[in-house]
């Protein structure tokens, strides 16, 4: 992260990084997401089931090692968590060469991956506003004095173009530093100060989880698909909804194909 990026990240709570992924990476990830979407939709309503601490009900896929909730319908979304276990194509994001320097710049201690989700948003779906100053969000606090110190950050990878009309990721810049609770409802389409961040295939958005954010309504016929990877200090456990504050859900089969560097990104204590 260069000096300008650090300044803008600290000022706004996010930065957009153009061409984070190569064309080849975009193509392979898009195919993997499409394939996993098809598999998840055929299993999402089946047992075994798991109820998260936040009240969401998930299908636990024993064969492919992922958790999924939602449905394919107007206004709905499909969230696939722990996608690492489902397809080795996603391995390129575990120690992504361009990504890790950004993470290292804003997390002071040894960091690990604590969030992994594919968000698939169908027509007329909205991701409600959240983040900022609220009791359940304090573990994601943001500070900066001599340098930035984040408790959780997230990288969103775009595998196709997304305009505001197509449900762009949206933020209220600067709210990561606010000490006041948000007085507005959680509709991102009307919240004062909320702006959409349009992106091209291959771009990424890097932001602190303490920033108020959401997703504008997808008013198009395009199904909006993004890949999210979250990072935090080594002691922070899973921040996926299905396994919130539990150990990372990484299968032995997945760990077996990883390098030591990759395995350590999912472990509170590093492998020697």
Protein backbone atom coordinates (compact mmCIF):
# COMPACT_ATOMS: atom_id res chain seq x y z
CA UNK A 1 0.00 0.00 0.00
CA UNK A 2 1.62 3.23 -1.11
CA UNK A 3 1.46 6.59 0.69
CA UNK A 4 -1.56 7.84 -1.26
CA UNK A 5 -3.48 4.62 -0.71
CA UNK A 6 -2.76 4.69 3.03
CA UNK A 7 -3.96 8.28 3.27
CA UNK A 8 -7.16 7.59 1.31
CA UNK A 9 -7.86 4.39 3.24
CA UNK A 10 -7.49 6.27 6.52
CA UNK A 11 -9.58 9.20 5.30
CA UNK A 12 -12.41 7.26 3.67
CA UNK A 13 -12.25 3.76 5.17
CA UNK A 14 -11.84 2.07 1.79
CA UNK A 15 -9.91 2.14 -1.45
CA UNK A 16 -10.69 0.76 -4.90
CA UNK A 17 -7.82 -1.15 -6.49
CA UNK A 18 -8.02 -1.45 -10.26
CA UNK A 19 -6.82 -4.60 -12.03
CA UNK A 20 -6.17 -6.52 -8.81
CA UNK A 21 -6.89 -9.75 -10.71
CA UNK A 22 -5.49 -10.75 -14.08
CA UNK A 23 -7.85 -11.67 -16.91
CA UNK A 24 -6.89 -15.33 -16.45
CA UNK A 25 -7.67 -15.16 -12.71
CA UNK A 26 -11.03 -13.51 -13.41
CA UNK A 27 -11.99 -16.18 -15.92
CA UNK A 28 -11.01 -19.12 -13.69
CA UNK A 29 -12.70 -17.65 -10.61
CA UNK A 30 -15.88 -16.82 -12.53
CA UNK A 31 -16.16 -20.42 -13.75
CA UNK A 32 -15.57 -21.75 -10.25
CA UNK A 33 -18.23 -19.43 -8.76
CA UNK A 34 -20.77 -20.40 -11.42
CA UNK A 35 -20.10 -24.09 -10.79
CA UNK A 36 -20.35 -23.71 -7.02
CA UNK A 37 -23.55 -21.65 -7.31
CA UNK A 38 -25.19 -24.50 -9.23
CA UNK A 39 -24.10 -27.07 -6.64
CA UNK A 40 -25.16 -24.89 -3.71
CA UNK A 41 -28.61 -24.17 -5.14
CA UNK A 42 -29.26 -27.89 -5.53
CA UNK A 43 -28.39 -28.47 -1.85
CA UNK A 44 -29.33 -25.29 0.05
CA UNK A 45 -32.66 -26.64 1.36
CA UNK A 46 -31.36 -30.10 2.28
CA UNK A 47 -30.08 -31.48 5.61
CA UNK A 48 -27.85 -31.34 7.52
CA UNK A 49 -28.84 -27.91 8.88
CA UNK A 50 -27.05 -25.46 11.16
CA UNK A 51 -28.46 -22.41 12.94
CA UNK A 52 -25.95 -19.61 13.33
CA UNK A 53 -25.61 -17.40 16.40
CA UNK A 54 -27.22 -14.64 14.31
CA UNK A 55 -30.32 -16.75 13.64
CA UNK A 56 -29.61 -17.71 10.04
CA UNK A 57 -30.20 -21.27 8.92
CA UNK A 58 -27.53 -22.92 6.77
CA UNK A 59 -27.09 -26.11 4.82
CA UNK A 60 -23.81 -27.80 5.78
CA UNK A 61 -22.37 -29.53 2.73
CA UNK A 62 -20.29 -32.44 3.97
CA UNK A 63 -19.15 -33.43 0.48
CA UNK A 64 -17.69 -30.06 -0.53
CA UNK A 65 -17.09 -28.50 2.89
CA UNK A 66 -19.08 -25.27 2.51
CA UNK A 67 -22.02 -23.61 4.30
CA UNK A 68 -24.83 -21.97 2.31
CA UNK A 69 -27.98 -19.98 3.00
CA UNK A 70 -30.51 -18.15 0.81
CA UNK A 71 -32.28 -18.89 -2.44
CA UNK A 72 -32.43 -18.08 -6.15
CA UNK A 73 -35.45 -15.80 -6.44
CA UNK A 74 -36.27 -12.16 -7.03
CA UNK A 75 -35.09 -10.05 -4.11
CA UNK A 76 -33.05 -12.90 -2.65
CA UNK A 77 -29.37 -13.63 -2.18
CA UNK A 78 -27.27 -16.77 -1.93
CA UNK A 79 -24.32 -16.70 0.49
CA UNK A 80 -21.75 -19.48 0.21
CA UNK A 81 -19.20 -19.55 3.04
CA UNK A 82 -15.95 -21.53 3.43
CA UNK A 83 -15.63 -21.83 -0.34
CA UNK A 84 -11.95 -22.78 0.01
CA UNK A 85 -13.01 -26.36 0.70
CA UNK A 86 -15.22 -26.62 -2.36
CA UNK A 87 -12.80 -25.93 -5.22
CA UNK A 88 -9.01 -25.60 -5.38
CA UNK A 89 -9.45 -22.82 -7.95
CA UNK A 90 -9.94 -20.43 -5.02
CA UNK A 91 -6.49 -21.29 -3.63
CA UNK A 92 -4.97 -18.46 -5.68
CA UNK A 93 -6.64 -15.99 -3.30
CA UNK A 94 -5.22 -17.51 -0.09
CA UNK A 95 -1.76 -15.99 -0.50
CA UNK A 96 -2.57 -13.64 -3.36
CA UNK A 97 0.62 -11.74 -4.17
CA UNK A 98 -1.04 -8.35 -4.65
CA UNK A 99 -3.46 -8.66 -1.73
CA UNK A 100 -1.27 -9.54 1.23
CA UNK A 101 0.79 -6.30 1.24
CA UNK A 102 -2.45 -4.34 1.69
CA UNK A 103 -3.42 -6.50 4.67
CA UNK A 104 0.05 -6.21 6.21
CA UNK A 105 -0.20 -2.42 5.99
CA UNK A 106 -3.27 -2.10 8.22
CA UNK A 107 -3.17 -5.00 10.72
CA UNK A 108 -0.38 -4.65 13.26
CA UNK A 109 -0.17 -8.19 14.63
CA UNK A 110 0.16 -11.44 12.74
CA UNK A 111 -2.98 -11.74 10.64
CA UNK A 112 -5.11 -14.66 9.52
CA UNK A 113 -8.05 -15.16 7.18
CA UNK A 114 -11.31 -15.08 9.16
CA UNK A 115 -13.99 -14.64 6.50
CA UNK A 116 -14.70 -16.27 3.16
CA UNK A 117 -17.97 -15.81 1.34
CA UNK A 118 -19.37 -15.68 -2.16
CA UNK A 119 -22.32 -13.32 -2.40
CA UNK A 120 -24.74 -13.96 -5.25
CA UNK A 121 -27.43 -11.30 -5.45
CA UNK A 122 -30.44 -11.76 -7.71
CA UNK A 123 -32.68 -9.12 -9.26
CA UNK A 124 -34.11 -6.57 -6.78
CA UNK A 125 -31.93 -7.82 -3.95
CA UNK A 126 -30.52 -5.24 -1.51
CA UNK A 127 -27.73 -5.72 1.04
CA UNK A 128 -28.88 -3.71 4.04
CA UNK A 129 -26.58 -1.07 5.54
CA UNK A 130 -24.46 -2.17 8.50
CA UNK A 131 -21.12 -1.47 10.17
CA UNK A 132 -19.97 1.61 12.02
CA UNK A 133 -20.66 2.31 15.68
CA UNK A 134 -22.95 -0.39 17.06
CA UNK A 135 -22.38 -2.78 20.00
CA UNK A 136 -21.85 -5.92 17.89
CA UNK A 137 -19.38 -4.10 15.64
CA UNK A 138 -16.90 -2.98 18.29
CA UNK A 139 -14.64 -5.98 17.75
CA UNK A 140 -14.00 -4.51 14.28
CA UNK A 141 -12.83 -1.18 15.68
CA UNK A 142 -10.50 1.07 13.68
CA UNK A 143 -7.69 3.22 15.05
CA UNK A 144 -4.90 5.29 13.55
CA UNK A 145 -2.18 7.29 15.25
CA UNK A 146 1.37 6.64 14.08
CA UNK A 147 -0.10 4.00 11.73
CA UNK A 148 -3.38 2.33 10.84
CA UNK A 149 -4.54 -0.51 13.06
CA UNK A 150 -7.61 -2.54 11.97
CA UNK A 151 -9.34 -5.36 13.78
CA UNK A 152 -10.94 -6.62 10.55
CA UNK A 153 -10.61 -5.76 6.90
CA UNK A 154 -12.14 -7.27 3.83
CA UNK A 155 -11.16 -7.54 0.19
CA UNK A 156 -13.98 -7.84 -2.35
CA UNK A 157 -12.96 -9.27 -5.71
CA UNK A 158 -15.07 -8.47 -8.78
CA UNK A 159 -15.42 -11.17 -11.44
CA UNK A 160 -17.69 -9.07 -13.67
CA UNK A 161 -18.49 -5.39 -14.09
CA UNK A 162 -20.91 -3.96 -11.49
CA UNK A 163 -22.66 -0.60 -11.91
CA UNK A 164 -24.89 1.16 -9.42
CA UNK A 165 -27.90 -0.12 -11.36
CA UNK A 166 -26.53 -3.65 -10.94
CA UNK A 167 -26.30 -3.39 -7.16
CA UNK A 168 -22.88 -1.86 -6.52
CA UNK A 169 -21.18 -2.21 -3.16
CA UNK A 170 -21.82 1.03 -1.29
CA UNK A 171 -20.31 2.93 1.63
CA UNK A 172 -20.68 6.05 3.74
CA UNK A 173 -17.10 7.38 3.57
CA UNK A 174 -15.49 8.30 6.88
CA UNK A 175 -17.98 6.52 9.14
CA UNK A 176 -15.24 4.13 10.31
CA UNK A 177 -14.06 6.98 12.56
CA UNK A 178 -17.45 8.04 13.86
CA UNK A 179 -18.22 7.60 17.56
CA UNK A 180 -21.93 8.27 17.10
CA UNK A 181 -24.52 5.55 16.36
CA UNK A 182 -26.14 5.86 12.94
CA UNK A 183 -29.57 7.54 13.28
CA UNK A 184 -30.83 6.24 9.92
CA UNK A 185 -32.60 3.09 8.83
CA UNK A 186 -30.59 0.40 7.05
CA UNK A 187 -31.84 1.03 3.49
CA UNK A 188 -28.70 1.86 1.48
CA UNK A 189 -30.68 3.33 -1.42
CA UNK A 190 -31.88 6.28 0.69
CA UNK A 191 -29.33 6.56 3.51
CA UNK A 192 -27.74 10.03 3.52
CA UNK A 193 -24.09 9.98 2.48
CA UNK A 194 -24.22 6.49 0.97
CA UNK A 195 -22.39 6.21 -2.37
CA UNK A 196 -22.12 3.32 -4.80
CA UNK A 197 -18.68 2.11 -5.86
CA UNK A 198 -18.90 0.88 -9.43
CA UNK A 199 -16.22 -1.63 -10.41
CA UNK A 200 -14.86 -3.49 -13.42
CA UNK A 201 -14.05 -7.18 -13.67
CA UNK A 202 -10.65 -7.70 -12.03
CA UNK A 203 -10.99 -4.74 -9.66
CA UNK A 204 -11.11 -5.07 -5.87
CA UNK A 205 -12.37 -2.94 -2.99
CA UNK A 206 -10.42 -3.03 0.27
CA UNK A 207 -12.22 -1.68 3.34
CA UNK A 208 -12.38 -1.77 7.12
CA UNK A 209 -15.33 -3.67 8.51
CA UNK A 210 -15.94 -0.73 10.85
CA UNK A 211 -17.05 1.35 7.86
CA UNK A 212 -20.81 1.63 7.28
CA UNK A 213 -21.50 -0.30 4.09
CA UNK A 214 -24.01 -2.36 2.14
CA UNK A 215 -25.17 -3.06 -1.41
CA UNK A 216 -27.48 -0.97 -3.56
CA UNK A 217 -30.57 -2.67 -4.98
CA UNK A 218 -29.79 -4.77 -8.03
CA UNK A 219 -32.31 -3.30 -10.48
CA UNK A 220 -30.88 -5.16 -13.47
CA UNK A 221 -31.26 -8.65 -14.90
CA UNK A 222 -27.59 -9.39 -14.19
CA UNK A 223 -26.94 -11.72 -11.28
CA UNK A 224 -24.33 -9.94 -9.16
CA UNK A 225 -21.50 -12.20 -7.95
CA UNK A 226 -18.58 -11.16 -5.74
CA UNK A 227 -15.92 -12.98 -3.71
CA UNK A 228 -15.15 -11.72 -0.20
CA UNK A 229 -12.08 -12.55 1.89
CA UNK A 230 -11.70 -11.10 5.39
CA UNK A 231 -8.62 -10.73 7.58
CA UNK A 232 -7.95 -9.92 11.22
CA UNK A 233 -5.50 -10.51 14.07
CA UNK A 234 -4.53 -14.15 14.60
CA UNK A 235 -6.68 -14.45 17.75
CA UNK A 236 -9.92 -13.53 15.96
CA UNK A 237 -11.79 -16.67 15.02
CA UNK A 238 -14.22 -17.17 12.14
CA UNK A 239 -16.30 -14.16 11.15
CA UNK A 240 -18.45 -16.13 8.73
CA UNK A 241 -22.07 -16.05 9.85
CA UNK A 242 -22.45 -19.85 9.91
CA UNK A 243 -19.41 -20.35 12.14
CA UNK A 244 -19.23 -16.98 13.93
CA UNK A 245 -16.49 -16.95 16.61
CA UNK A 246 -15.77 -20.64 16.07
CA UNK A 247 -12.46 -22.03 14.71
CA UNK A 248 -11.99 -21.63 10.97
CA UNK A 249 -13.84 -24.33 9.03
CA UNK A 250 -11.03 -25.75 6.91
CA UNK A 251 -11.20 -29.45 6.12
CA UNK A 252 -8.24 -31.80 6.43
CA UNK A 253 -8.47 -32.40 2.68
CA UNK A 254 -8.03 -28.68 2.02
CA UNK A 255 -5.16 -28.31 4.49
CA UNK A 256 -3.40 -31.26 2.87
CA UNK A 257 -3.05 -29.43 -0.45
CA UNK A 258 -1.92 -26.14 1.15
CA UNK A 259 1.62 -24.98 1.73
CA UNK A 260 2.73 -24.16 5.27
CA UNK A 261 2.28 -20.45 4.50
CA UNK A 262 -1.30 -21.07 3.40
CA UNK A 263 -2.13 -23.27 6.40
CA UNK A 264 -0.82 -20.63 8.78
CA UNK A 265 -3.35 -18.13 7.42
CA UNK A 266 -6.08 -20.25 9.03
CA UNK A 267 -4.35 -21.05 12.33
CA UNK A 268 -4.16 -18.98 15.53
CA UNK A 269 -0.71 -20.42 16.23
CA UNK A 270 1.69 -20.76 13.29
CA UNK A 271 3.06 -24.09 12.20
CA UNK A 272 6.79 -24.36 12.81
